[in-house]
Amino acid sequence: MNLEEAKCFIESLIFSSEEPLSKESMKKMLKNYGEFNIDQILAELHSDYKERGIELIEIDSNYFFRTSTRLSKYLSIETEKKRNLSNAALETLAIISYHQPVTRAEIEKIRGKPVFRGTLDTLLELRWIKPAGRRETPGRPVTWETDLEFLRHFGLSSIKDLPKVDELESIIL
């Protein structure tokens, strides 16, 4: 496999994947066909799609194609399902995003109120949160963290792009 074929291979992997692909998984699949610089291939693909109708997006070292944001005004035909989240769900999501990985008990301690199962179910259904393993404490509680869909929905490249708490306080006051 030459470099151009490797680039086509990576392009087809990203295009056909249901979920964003990590750089590591692409490296593993490409390794069977030779040694290639995955960063160079991804940079070339990003450049190739820069002025086209779709673009290569990286979120948290995961890659996927999406419709170019330059075309959004022409593609507003899609219907949008609006879902109003409860204050409890918004508070829970904020706590998870700023304190991840965090257990349900820790969320309740920070909120000062109980977290009902339906709240976590709603956030799970939206794929904004996901289980992050279990804490090595008595009872081995599940910990929660934000999922890629959370980053995608809010237009963040990584969780580090969230506004700092003091910035939020200045906006509210």
C-alpha atoms as a PDB file:
ATOM      1  CA  MET A   1       0.000   0.000   0.000  1.00  0.00           C
ATOM      2  CA  ASN A   2       1.391   3.409  -0.941  1.00  0.00           C
ATOM      3  CA  LEU A   3       0.708   6.711   0.860  1.00  0.00           C
ATOM      4  CA  GLU A   4      -2.188   7.700  -1.437  1.00  0.00           C
ATOM      5  CA  GLU A   5      -3.884   4.320  -0.883  1.00  0.00           C
ATOM      6  CA  ALA A   6      -3.324   4.648   2.873  1.00  0.00           C
ATOM      7  CA  LYS A   7      -4.999   8.060   2.759  1.00  0.00           C
ATOM      8  CA  CYS A   8      -7.966   6.604   0.841  1.00  0.00           C
ATOM      9  CA  PHE A   9      -8.141   3.738   3.334  1.00  0.00           C
ATOM     10  CA  ILE A  10      -8.286   6.103   6.330  1.00  0.00           C
ATOM     11  CA  GLU A  11     -10.838   8.305   4.542  1.00  0.00           C
ATOM     12  CA  SER A  12     -13.097   5.306   3.918  1.00  0.00           C
ATOM     13  CA  LEU A  13     -12.747   4.117   7.527  1.00  0.00           C
ATOM     14  CA  ILE A  14     -13.821   7.496   8.887  1.00  0.00           C
ATOM     15  CA  PHE A  15     -16.619   7.841   6.349  1.00  0.00           C
ATOM     16  CA  SER A  16     -18.107   4.389   6.972  1.00  0.00           C
ATOM     17  CA  SER A  17     -17.798   4.363  10.756  1.00  0.00           C
ATOM     18  CA  GLU A  18     -20.960   4.826  12.817  1.00  0.00           C
ATOM     19  CA  GLU A  19     -18.986   6.464  15.623  1.00  0.00           C
ATOM     20  CA  PRO A  20     -16.048   8.886  15.545  1.00  0.00           C
ATOM     21  CA  LEU A  21     -12.777   6.968  15.109  1.00  0.00           C
ATOM     22  CA  SER A  22      -9.825   7.424  17.411  1.00  0.00           C
ATOM     23  CA  LYS A  23      -6.395   8.073  15.982  1.00  0.00           C
ATOM     24  CA  GLU A  24      -5.144   4.974  17.824  1.00  0.00           C
ATOM     25  CA  SER A  25      -7.712   2.664  16.230  1.00  0.00           C
ATOM     26  CA  MET A  26      -6.855   4.026  12.766  1.00  0.00           C
ATOM     27  CA  LYS A  27      -3.150   3.469  13.446  1.00  0.00           C
ATOM     28  CA  LYS A  28      -3.826  -0.154  14.415  1.00  0.00           C
ATOM     29  CA  MET A  29      -5.830  -0.841  11.264  1.00  0.00           C
ATOM     30  CA  LEU A  30      -3.287   0.887   9.030  1.00  0.00           C
ATOM     31  CA  LYS A  31      -0.342  -0.917  10.646  1.00  0.00           C
ATOM     32  CA  ASN A  32      -1.320  -4.141   8.817  1.00  0.00           C
ATOM     33  CA  TYR A  33      -0.431  -2.447   5.515  1.00  0.00           C
ATOM     34  CA  GLY A  34       2.828  -0.691   6.372  1.00  0.00           C
ATOM     35  CA  GLU A  35       4.267   2.175   8.383  1.00  0.00           C
ATOM     36  CA  PHE A  36       2.505   5.474   7.713  1.00  0.00           C
ATOM     37  CA  ASN A  37       2.364   8.796   9.534  1.00  0.00           C
ATOM     38  CA  ILE A  38      -1.286   8.982  10.639  1.00  0.00           C
ATOM     39  CA  ASP A  39      -0.918  12.654  11.647  1.00  0.00           C
ATOM     40  CA  GLN A  40       0.232  13.536   8.133  1.00  0.00           C
ATOM     41  CA  ILE A  41      -2.636  11.575   6.558  1.00  0.00           C
ATOM     42  CA  LEU A  42      -5.224  13.244   8.819  1.00  0.00           C
ATOM     43  CA  ALA A  43      -3.734  16.693   8.126  1.00  0.00           C
ATOM     44  CA  GLU A  44      -3.956  16.057   4.370  1.00  0.00           C
ATOM     45  CA  LEU A  45      -7.553  14.857   4.663  1.00  0.00           C
ATOM     46  CA  HIS A  46      -8.432  17.895   6.748  1.00  0.00           C
ATOM     47  CA  SER A  47      -6.887  20.120   4.065  1.00  0.00           C
ATOM     48  CA  ASP A  48      -8.609  18.206   1.229  1.00  0.00           C
ATOM     49  CA  TYR A  49     -12.051  18.731   2.795  1.00  0.00           C
ATOM     50  CA  LYS A  50     -11.487  22.298   3.986  1.00  0.00           C
ATOM     51  CA  GLU A  51     -13.359  23.957   1.092  1.00  0.00           C
ATOM     52  CA  ARG A  52     -15.886  21.205   0.380  1.00  0.00           C
ATOM     53  CA  GLY A  53     -19.441  20.405   1.428  1.00  0.00           C
ATOM     54  CA  ILE A  54     -18.273  18.150   4.224  1.00  0.00           C
ATOM     55  CA  GLU A  55     -15.425  18.596   6.664  1.00  0.00           C
ATOM     56  CA  LEU A  56     -13.201  16.404   8.798  1.00  0.00           C
ATOM     57  CA  ILE A  57     -13.772  17.154  12.464  1.00  0.00           C
ATOM     58  CA  GLU A  58     -11.620  16.207  15.449  1.00  0.00           C
ATOM     59  CA  ILE A  59     -13.137  16.053  18.900  1.00  0.00           C
ATOM     60  CA  ASP A  60     -11.050  14.721  21.747  1.00  0.00           C
ATOM     61  CA  SER A  61      -8.700  12.858  19.320  1.00  0.00           C
ATOM     62  CA  ASN A  62     -11.665  11.214  17.582  1.00  0.00           C
ATOM     63  CA  TYR A  63     -12.414  11.929  13.918  1.00  0.00           C
ATOM     64  CA  PHE A  64     -15.615  12.060  11.853  1.00  0.00           C
ATOM     65  CA  PHE A  65     -17.065  13.788   8.814  1.00  0.00           C
ATOM     66  CA  ARG A  66     -19.956  16.230   9.030  1.00  0.00           C
ATOM     67  CA  THR A  67     -21.657  18.707   6.767  1.00  0.00           C
ATOM     68  CA  SER A  68     -19.676  21.914   6.443  1.00  0.00           C
ATOM     69  CA  THR A  69     -20.898  24.618   8.792  1.00  0.00           C
ATOM     70  CA  ARG A  70     -20.611  27.086   5.875  1.00  0.00           C
ATOM     71  CA  LEU A  71     -23.700  25.433   4.373  1.00  0.00           C
ATOM     72  CA  SER A  72     -25.915  25.519   7.462  1.00  0.00           C
ATOM     73  CA  LYS A  73     -28.124  28.328   6.130  1.00  0.00           C
ATOM     74  CA  TYR A  74     -28.979  26.185   3.083  1.00  0.00           C
ATOM     75  CA  LEU A  75     -29.609  22.990   5.020  1.00  0.00           C
ATOM     76  CA  SER A  76     -32.133  24.206   7.542  1.00  0.00           C
ATOM     77  CA  ILE A  77     -34.788  21.812   6.220  1.00  0.00           C
ATOM     78  CA  GLU A  78     -34.076  19.300   8.953  1.00  0.00           C
ATOM     79  CA  THR A  79     -36.596  19.116  11.743  1.00  0.00           C
ATOM     80  CA  GLU A  80     -35.383  19.686  15.209  1.00  0.00           C
ATOM     81  CA  LYS A  81     -36.812  17.911  18.197  1.00  0.00           C
ATOM     82  CA  LYS A  82     -36.748  20.252  21.107  1.00  0.00           C
ATOM     83  CA  ARG A  83     -36.425  18.694  24.487  1.00  0.00           C
ATOM     84  CA  ASN A  84     -36.573  20.863  27.522  1.00  0.00           C
ATOM     85  CA  LEU A  85     -34.324  19.529  30.214  1.00  0.00           C
ATOM     86  CA  SER A  86     -35.355  19.929  33.806  1.00  0.00           C
ATOM     87  CA  ASN A  87     -33.288  22.096  36.113  1.00  0.00           C
ATOM     88  CA  ALA A  88     -32.247  18.913  37.900  1.00  0.00           C
ATOM     89  CA  ALA A  89     -30.902  17.442  34.642  1.00  0.00           C
ATOM     90  CA  LEU A  90     -29.021  20.649  33.791  1.00  0.00           C
ATOM     91  CA  GLU A  91     -27.524  20.842  37.281  1.00  0.00           C
ATOM     92  CA  THR A  92     -26.536  17.175  37.135  1.00  0.00           C
ATOM     93  CA  LEU A  93     -24.957  17.605  33.700  1.00  0.00           C
ATOM     94  CA  ALA A  94     -22.982  20.640  34.865  1.00  0.00           C
ATOM     95  CA  ILE A  95     -21.707  18.769  37.924  1.00  0.00           C
ATOM     96  CA  ILE A  96     -20.688  15.756  35.842  1.00  0.00           C
ATOM     97  CA  SER A  97     -18.939  17.912  33.237  1.00  0.00           C
ATOM     98  CA  TYR A  98     -16.938  19.886  35.806  1.00  0.00           C
ATOM     99  CA  HIS A  99     -16.221  17.096  38.319  1.00  0.00           C
ATOM    100  CA  GLN A 100     -15.886  13.969  36.148  1.00  0.00           C
ATOM    101  CA  PRO A 101     -15.577  11.154  36.874  1.00  0.00           C
ATOM    102  CA  VAL A 102     -18.150  11.578  39.631  1.00  0.00           C
ATOM    103  CA  THR A 103     -20.487   9.210  41.485  1.00  0.00           C
ATOM    104  CA  ARG A 104     -24.191   9.738  42.058  1.00  0.00           C
ATOM    105  CA  ALA A 105     -23.552  10.299  45.779  1.00  0.00           C
ATOM    106  CA  GLU A 106     -20.991  12.995  44.956  1.00  0.00           C
ATOM    107  CA  ILE A 107     -23.481  14.675  42.591  1.00  0.00           C
ATOM    108  CA  GLU A 108     -26.101  14.629  45.339  1.00  0.00           C
ATOM    109  CA  LYS A 109     -23.632  16.082  47.857  1.00  0.00           C
ATOM    110  CA  ILE A 110     -22.723  18.945  45.492  1.00  0.00           C
ATOM    111  CA  ARG A 111     -26.371  19.630  44.517  1.00  0.00           C
ATOM    112  CA  GLY A 112     -27.663  19.218  48.055  1.00  0.00           C
ATOM    113  CA  LYS A 113     -30.602  17.248  46.610  1.00  0.00           C
ATOM    114  CA  PRO A 114     -31.179  13.665  45.480  1.00  0.00           C
ATOM    115  CA  VAL A 115     -30.553  12.668  41.859  1.00  0.00           C
ATOM    116  CA  PHE A 116     -33.405  10.589  40.524  1.00  0.00           C
ATOM    117  CA  ARG A 117     -32.740   7.714  38.148  1.00  0.00           C
ATOM    118  CA  GLY A 118     -34.833   9.385  35.434  1.00  0.00           C
ATOM    119  CA  THR A 119     -32.452  12.343  35.389  1.00  0.00           C
ATOM    120  CA  LEU A 120     -29.460  10.127  34.622  1.00  0.00           C
ATOM    121  CA  ASP A 121     -31.568   8.105  32.158  1.00  0.00           C
ATOM    122  CA  THR A 122     -32.429  11.261  30.202  1.00  0.00           C
ATOM    123  CA  LEU A 123     -28.770  12.292  29.987  1.00  0.00           C
ATOM    124  CA  LEU A 124     -27.792   8.742  28.999  1.00  0.00           C
ATOM    125  CA  GLU A 125     -30.475   8.667  26.293  1.00  0.00           C
ATOM    126  CA  LEU A 126     -29.116  11.903  24.842  1.00  0.00           C
ATOM    127  CA  ARG A 127     -25.651  10.295  24.984  1.00  0.00           C
ATOM    128  CA  TRP A 128     -24.331  13.289  26.888  1.00  0.00           C
ATOM    129  CA  ILE A 129     -23.031  11.122  29.734  1.00  0.00           C
ATOM    130  CA  LYS A 130     -21.714   7.584  30.047  1.00  0.00           C
ATOM    131  CA  PRO A 131     -20.543   5.270  32.825  1.00  0.00           C
ATOM    132  CA  ALA A 132     -16.825   5.680  33.488  1.00  0.00           C
ATOM    133  CA  GLY A 133     -16.195   2.592  35.579  1.00  0.00           C
ATOM    134  CA  ARG A 134     -16.554   1.961  39.259  1.00  0.00           C
ATOM    135  CA  ARG A 135     -14.923   3.716  42.188  1.00  0.00           C
ATOM    136  CA  GLU A 136     -12.674   1.504  44.325  1.00  0.00           C
ATOM    137  CA  THR A 137     -14.612   2.271  47.503  1.00  0.00           C
ATOM    138  CA  PRO A 138     -17.146   0.230  49.489  1.00  0.00           C
ATOM    139  CA  GLY A 139     -20.161  -0.535  47.327  1.00  0.00           C
ATOM    140  CA  ARG A 140     -18.100   0.162  44.168  1.00  0.00           C
ATOM    141  CA  PRO A 141     -20.378   2.977  42.917  1.00  0.00           C
ATOM    142  CA  VAL A 142     -20.567   3.765  39.212  1.00  0.00           C
ATOM    143  CA  THR A 143     -18.789   6.935  38.130  1.00  0.00           C
ATOM    144  CA  TRP A 144     -20.129   9.174  35.363  1.00  0.00           C
ATOM    145  CA  GLU A 145     -18.401  11.304  32.733  1.00  0.00           C
ATOM    146  CA  THR A 146     -19.424  13.246  29.643  1.00  0.00           C
ATOM    147  CA  ASP A 147     -19.650  11.438  26.316  1.00  0.00           C
ATOM    148  CA  LEU A 148     -18.510  12.562  22.845  1.00  0.00           C
ATOM    149  CA  GLU A 149     -22.064  13.564  21.937  1.00  0.00           C
ATOM    150  CA  PHE A 150     -21.945  16.145  24.768  1.00  0.00           C
ATOM    151  CA  LEU A 151     -18.843  17.703  23.186  1.00  0.00           C
ATOM    152  CA  ARG A 152     -20.370  17.544  19.717  1.00  0.00           C
ATOM    153  CA  HIS A 153     -23.693  19.079  20.812  1.00  0.00           C
ATOM    154  CA  PHE A 154     -22.056  21.989  22.615  1.00  0.00           C
ATOM    155  CA  GLY A 155     -19.373  22.534  19.922  1.00  0.00           C
ATOM    156  CA  LEU A 156     -16.418  21.700  22.163  1.00  0.00           C
ATOM    157  CA  SER A 157     -13.182  20.094  20.978  1.00  0.00           C
ATOM    158  CA  SER A 158     -12.432  18.780  24.442  1.00  0.00           C
ATOM    159  CA  ILE A 159     -13.783  19.061  27.965  1.00  0.00           C
ATOM    160  CA  LYS A 160     -10.999  21.581  28.661  1.00  0.00           C
ATOM    161  CA  ASP A 161     -12.887  24.053  26.430  1.00  0.00           C
ATOM    162  CA  LEU A 162     -15.652  24.462  29.021  1.00  0.00           C
ATOM    163  CA  PRO A 163     -15.726  27.956  30.531  1.00  0.00           C
ATOM    164  CA  LYS A 164     -13.972  28.246  33.893  1.00  0.00           C
ATOM    165  CA  VAL A 165     -16.187  28.570  36.968  1.00  0.00           C
ATOM    166  CA  ASP A 166     -15.061  32.172  37.619  1.00  0.00           C
ATOM    167  CA  GLU A 167     -15.972  33.091  34.016  1.00  0.00           C
ATOM    168  CA  LEU A 168     -19.459  31.660  34.562  1.00  0.00           C
ATOM    169  CA  GLU A 169     -19.857  33.588  37.804  1.00  0.00           C
ATOM    170  CA  SER A 170     -18.999  36.859  36.040  1.00  0.00           C
ATOM    171  CA  ILE A 171     -21.643  36.161  33.364  1.00  0.00           C
ATOM    172  CA  ILE A 172     -24.349  35.368  35.944  1.00  0.00           C
ATOM    173  CA  LEU A 173     -23.650  38.406  38.126  1.00  0.00           C
END
